[in-house]
């Protein structure tokens, strides 16, 4: 996963049109929330955003996000790190 943490964030508008008949407002809101969730989770899975950012965007705690990631099949570990880089991160976390 590669994230550019120095970049400024900017709003991203996503829209699409579906031809549907007689969908209630409640069902439309539910579908929109699920679409937003899917979009955020794909960005997270591809390393474009952090789990913290994803949690914030979806209005949940970071702990809830970790559980959510499991449900989506997204590893909580950065699989792109080499063993040396992972060891370095472990050492940095162990020495505050």
N, C-alpha and C. Protein backbone atom coordinates (compact mmCIF):
# COMPACT_ATOMS: atom_id res chain seq x y z
N UNK A 1 0.83 -1.17 0.00
CA UNK A 1 0.00 0.00 0.00
C UNK A 1 0.88 1.24 0.00
N UNK A 2 0.55 2.17 -0.86
CA UNK A 2 1.31 3.40 -0.93
C UNK A 2 0.34 4.55 -0.73
N UNK A 3 0.59 5.32 0.33
CA UNK A 3 -0.25 6.49 0.58
C UNK A 3 0.65 7.71 0.66
N UNK A 4 0.28 8.74 -0.04
CA UNK A 4 1.00 10.00 0.02
C UNK A 4 0.40 10.82 1.13
N UNK A 5 1.04 10.79 2.31
CA UNK A 5 0.50 11.47 3.47
C UNK A 5 0.74 12.97 3.44
N UNK A 6 1.53 13.45 2.48
CA UNK A 6 1.82 14.87 2.39
C UNK A 6 0.83 15.61 1.49
N UNK A 7 -0.04 14.88 0.81
CA UNK A 7 -0.98 15.50 -0.11
C UNK A 7 -2.11 16.18 0.64
N UNK A 8 -2.59 17.25 0.08
CA UNK A 8 -3.78 17.92 0.60
C UNK A 8 -4.99 17.11 0.16
N UNK A 9 -5.96 16.96 1.06
CA UNK A 9 -7.17 16.26 0.67
C UNK A 9 -8.08 17.22 -0.07
N UNK A 10 -8.90 16.67 -0.92
CA UNK A 10 -9.86 17.48 -1.65
C UNK A 10 -11.16 16.69 -1.76
N UNK A 11 -12.27 17.37 -1.81
CA UNK A 11 -13.56 16.68 -1.91
C UNK A 11 -13.65 15.91 -3.22
N UNK A 12 -14.29 14.78 -3.17
CA UNK A 12 -14.50 13.96 -4.35
C UNK A 12 -15.99 13.69 -4.45
N UNK A 13 -16.59 14.13 -5.51
CA UNK A 13 -18.02 13.89 -5.72
C UNK A 13 -18.17 12.70 -6.65
N UNK A 14 -19.02 11.78 -6.27
CA UNK A 14 -19.29 10.59 -7.07
C UNK A 14 -20.79 10.55 -7.32
N UNK A 15 -21.16 10.39 -8.57
CA UNK A 15 -22.58 10.29 -8.87
C UNK A 15 -22.79 9.29 -10.00
N UNK A 16 -23.96 8.70 -10.00
CA UNK A 16 -24.35 7.80 -11.08
C UNK A 16 -25.86 7.78 -11.14
N UNK A 17 -26.39 7.34 -12.25
CA UNK A 17 -27.83 7.32 -12.45
C UNK A 17 -28.27 5.89 -12.70
N UNK A 18 -29.35 5.51 -12.01
CA UNK A 18 -29.95 4.20 -12.20
C UNK A 18 -31.42 4.40 -12.58
N UNK A 19 -31.89 3.65 -13.53
CA UNK A 19 -33.30 3.69 -13.88
C UNK A 19 -34.03 2.67 -13.01
N UNK A 20 -34.80 3.16 -12.04
CA UNK A 20 -35.56 2.30 -11.15
C UNK A 20 -36.97 2.87 -11.02
N UNK A 21 -37.89 2.01 -10.61
CA UNK A 21 -39.28 2.42 -10.49
C UNK A 21 -39.75 2.23 -9.05
N UNK A 22 -40.41 3.25 -8.53
CA UNK A 22 -41.08 3.16 -7.22
C UNK A 22 -40.18 2.69 -6.08
N UNK A 23 -39.04 3.31 -5.93
CA UNK A 23 -38.14 3.01 -4.82
C UNK A 23 -38.42 4.03 -3.72
N UNK A 24 -38.68 3.55 -2.52
CA UNK A 24 -38.98 4.46 -1.41
C UNK A 24 -37.75 5.29 -1.04
N UNK A 25 -38.01 6.42 -0.42
CA UNK A 25 -36.92 7.28 0.04
C UNK A 25 -36.03 6.53 1.03
N UNK A 26 -36.64 5.73 1.89
CA UNK A 26 -35.89 4.97 2.90
C UNK A 26 -34.95 3.97 2.22
N UNK A 27 -35.43 3.28 1.20
CA UNK A 27 -34.59 2.33 0.48
C UNK A 27 -33.50 3.04 -0.30
N UNK A 28 -33.82 4.20 -0.86
CA UNK A 28 -32.81 4.98 -1.57
C UNK A 28 -31.69 5.41 -0.63
N UNK A 29 -32.05 5.85 0.57
CA UNK A 29 -31.05 6.27 1.56
C UNK A 29 -30.19 5.09 1.97
N UNK A 30 -30.79 3.93 2.16
CA UNK A 30 -30.04 2.72 2.53
C UNK A 30 -29.06 2.33 1.42
N UNK A 31 -29.51 2.36 0.19
CA UNK A 31 -28.66 2.01 -0.95
C UNK A 31 -27.51 3.00 -1.10
N UNK A 32 -27.79 4.28 -0.89
CA UNK A 32 -26.75 5.30 -0.99
C UNK A 32 -25.69 5.10 0.09
N UNK A 33 -26.11 4.77 1.30
CA UNK A 33 -25.16 4.53 2.39
C UNK A 33 -24.29 3.32 2.07
N UNK A 34 -24.87 2.27 1.52
CA UNK A 34 -24.10 1.08 1.16
C UNK A 34 -23.12 1.39 0.02
N UNK A 35 -23.54 2.21 -0.93
CA UNK A 35 -22.66 2.59 -2.04
C UNK A 35 -21.48 3.40 -1.51
N UNK A 36 -21.75 4.32 -0.58
CA UNK A 36 -20.68 5.11 0.02
C UNK A 36 -19.70 4.20 0.76
N UNK A 37 -20.24 3.27 1.53
CA UNK A 37 -19.41 2.32 2.27
C UNK A 37 -18.52 1.53 1.33
N UNK A 38 -19.09 1.02 0.25
CA UNK A 38 -18.31 0.24 -0.71
C UNK A 38 -17.20 1.08 -1.32
N UNK A 39 -17.50 2.32 -1.66
CA UNK A 39 -16.51 3.20 -2.26
C UNK A 39 -15.34 3.43 -1.31
N UNK A 40 -15.66 3.74 -0.06
CA UNK A 40 -14.63 3.98 0.96
C UNK A 40 -13.80 2.72 1.18
N UNK A 41 -14.45 1.57 1.24
CA UNK A 41 -13.72 0.32 1.51
C UNK A 41 -12.80 -0.06 0.36
N UNK A 42 -13.19 0.25 -0.86
CA UNK A 42 -12.31 -0.02 -2.01
C UNK A 42 -11.09 0.90 -1.94
N UNK A 43 -11.30 2.17 -1.60
CA UNK A 43 -10.16 3.08 -1.45
C UNK A 43 -9.22 2.59 -0.36
N UNK A 44 -9.79 2.12 0.74
CA UNK A 44 -8.99 1.58 1.84
C UNK A 44 -8.22 0.34 1.40
N UNK A 45 -8.89 -0.58 0.76
CA UNK A 45 -8.25 -1.82 0.32
C UNK A 45 -7.10 -1.56 -0.64
N UNK A 46 -7.22 -0.53 -1.47
CA UNK A 46 -6.17 -0.21 -2.44
C UNK A 46 -5.11 0.73 -1.88
N UNK A 47 -5.24 1.07 -0.58
CA UNK A 47 -4.21 1.87 0.07
C UNK A 47 -4.27 3.35 -0.23
N UNK A 48 -5.38 3.81 -0.75
CA UNK A 48 -5.52 5.23 -1.07
C UNK A 48 -5.86 6.06 0.17
N UNK A 49 -6.49 5.42 1.17
CA UNK A 49 -6.80 6.09 2.42
C UNK A 49 -6.44 5.15 3.57
N UNK A 50 -6.25 5.71 4.74
CA UNK A 50 -5.91 4.92 5.93
C UNK A 50 -7.18 4.38 6.58
N UNK A 51 -7.01 3.43 7.48
CA UNK A 51 -8.17 2.91 8.21
C UNK A 51 -8.79 3.99 9.08
N UNK A 52 -7.97 4.88 9.61
CA UNK A 52 -8.49 5.99 10.40
C UNK A 52 -9.35 6.93 9.57
N UNK A 53 -8.89 7.23 8.36
CA UNK A 53 -9.66 8.09 7.45
C UNK A 53 -10.95 7.39 7.05
N UNK A 54 -10.87 6.09 6.75
CA UNK A 54 -12.07 5.34 6.38
C UNK A 54 -13.08 5.34 7.52
N UNK A 55 -12.60 5.14 8.74
CA UNK A 55 -13.48 5.15 9.91
C UNK A 55 -14.15 6.51 10.03
N UNK A 56 -13.39 7.58 9.85
CA UNK A 56 -13.94 8.92 9.94
C UNK A 56 -15.00 9.16 8.87
N UNK A 57 -14.71 8.76 7.65
CA UNK A 57 -15.65 8.96 6.56
C UNK A 57 -16.95 8.19 6.77
N UNK A 58 -16.86 7.04 7.42
CA UNK A 58 -18.04 6.21 7.64
C UNK A 58 -18.67 6.42 9.01
N UNK A 59 -18.09 7.34 9.80
CA UNK A 59 -18.67 7.67 11.09
C UNK A 59 -18.61 6.55 12.11
N UNK A 60 -17.47 5.85 12.14
CA UNK A 60 -17.31 4.77 13.11
C UNK A 60 -15.96 4.88 13.80
N UNK A 61 -15.81 4.16 14.90
CA UNK A 61 -14.54 4.18 15.63
C UNK A 61 -13.50 3.37 14.85
N UNK A 62 -12.24 3.59 15.20
CA UNK A 62 -11.18 2.82 14.53
C UNK A 62 -11.29 1.34 14.86
N UNK A 63 -11.70 1.01 16.09
CA UNK A 63 -11.89 -0.39 16.46
C UNK A 63 -13.00 -1.01 15.62
N UNK A 64 -14.11 -0.30 15.47
CA UNK A 64 -15.19 -0.81 14.62
C UNK A 64 -14.70 -0.97 13.18
N UNK A 65 -13.84 -0.06 12.72
CA UNK A 65 -13.31 -0.15 11.36
C UNK A 65 -12.48 -1.42 11.19
N UNK A 66 -11.68 -1.77 12.20
CA UNK A 66 -10.88 -2.99 12.10
C UNK A 66 -11.78 -4.21 11.93
N UNK A 67 -12.87 -4.25 12.66
CA UNK A 67 -13.84 -5.34 12.51
C UNK A 67 -14.51 -5.29 11.15
N UNK A 68 -14.78 -4.09 10.69
CA UNK A 68 -15.40 -3.90 9.38
C UNK A 68 -14.46 -4.37 8.26
N UNK A 69 -13.18 -4.08 8.43
CA UNK A 69 -12.20 -4.51 7.45
C UNK A 69 -12.19 -6.03 7.34
N UNK A 70 -12.28 -6.70 8.47
CA UNK A 70 -12.31 -8.16 8.46
C UNK A 70 -13.53 -8.66 7.68
N UNK A 71 -14.67 -8.04 7.89
CA UNK A 71 -15.89 -8.43 7.19
C UNK A 71 -15.76 -8.23 5.68
N UNK A 72 -14.97 -7.24 5.28
CA UNK A 72 -14.75 -6.96 3.85
C UNK A 72 -13.56 -7.74 3.29
N UNK A 73 -12.89 -8.51 4.13
CA UNK A 73 -11.74 -9.27 3.67
C UNK A 73 -10.50 -8.43 3.43
N UNK A 74 -10.38 -7.32 4.14
CA UNK A 74 -9.25 -6.41 3.99
C UNK A 74 -8.31 -6.64 5.17
N UNK A 75 -7.06 -6.93 4.87
CA UNK A 75 -6.07 -7.18 5.91
C UNK A 75 -5.78 -5.90 6.69
N UNK A 76 -5.63 -6.04 7.99
CA UNK A 76 -5.26 -4.87 8.80
C UNK A 76 -3.76 -4.60 8.72
N UNK A 77 -3.03 -5.49 8.08
CA UNK A 77 -1.59 -5.34 7.93
C UNK A 77 -1.27 -4.88 6.52
N UNK A 78 -0.21 -4.10 6.40
CA UNK A 78 0.26 -3.64 5.11
C UNK A 78 1.09 -4.76 4.49
N UNK A 79 0.48 -5.50 3.58
CA UNK A 79 1.14 -6.66 2.97
C UNK A 79 2.28 -6.28 2.02
N UNK A 80 2.40 -4.99 1.71
CA UNK A 80 3.45 -4.58 0.77
C UNK A 80 4.77 -4.30 1.48
N UNK A 81 4.78 -4.30 2.80
CA UNK A 81 6.02 -4.03 3.54
C UNK A 81 6.97 -5.23 3.48
N UNK A 82 8.24 -4.93 3.36
CA UNK A 82 9.24 -5.99 3.45
C UNK A 82 9.37 -6.41 4.91
N UNK A 83 9.98 -7.55 5.15
CA UNK A 83 10.17 -8.01 6.53
C UNK A 83 11.00 -7.00 7.33
N UNK A 84 12.02 -6.41 6.69
CA UNK A 84 12.84 -5.42 7.38
C UNK A 84 12.04 -4.16 7.74
N UNK A 85 11.22 -3.69 6.82
CA UNK A 85 10.42 -2.50 7.08
C UNK A 85 9.39 -2.77 8.17
N UNK A 86 8.83 -3.96 8.16
CA UNK A 86 7.87 -4.33 9.19
C UNK A 86 8.56 -4.40 10.55
N UNK A 87 9.74 -4.98 10.60
CA UNK A 87 10.50 -5.06 11.85
C UNK A 87 10.83 -3.66 12.36
N UNK A 88 11.18 -2.77 11.47
CA UNK A 88 11.48 -1.40 11.87
C UNK A 88 10.24 -0.71 12.47
N UNK A 89 9.08 -0.94 11.88
CA UNK A 89 7.86 -0.35 12.43
C UNK A 89 7.53 -0.92 13.79
N UNK A 90 7.76 -2.22 13.98
CA UNK A 90 7.52 -2.87 15.27
C UNK A 90 8.45 -2.25 16.31
N UNK A 91 9.72 -2.07 15.96
CA UNK A 91 10.69 -1.48 16.90
C UNK A 91 10.31 -0.05 17.24
N UNK A 92 9.86 0.73 16.26
CA UNK A 92 9.46 2.10 16.52
C UNK A 92 8.24 2.16 17.43
N UNK A 93 7.32 1.25 17.25
CA UNK A 93 6.12 1.22 18.08
C UNK A 93 6.44 0.76 19.50
N UNK A 94 7.47 -0.05 19.64
CA UNK A 94 7.84 -0.58 20.95
C UNK A 94 8.65 0.41 21.77
N UNK A 95 9.24 1.40 21.14
CA UNK A 95 10.09 2.38 21.82
C UNK A 95 9.47 3.77 21.70
N UNK A 96 8.56 4.12 22.62
CA UNK A 96 7.88 5.43 22.51
C UNK A 96 8.79 6.60 22.70
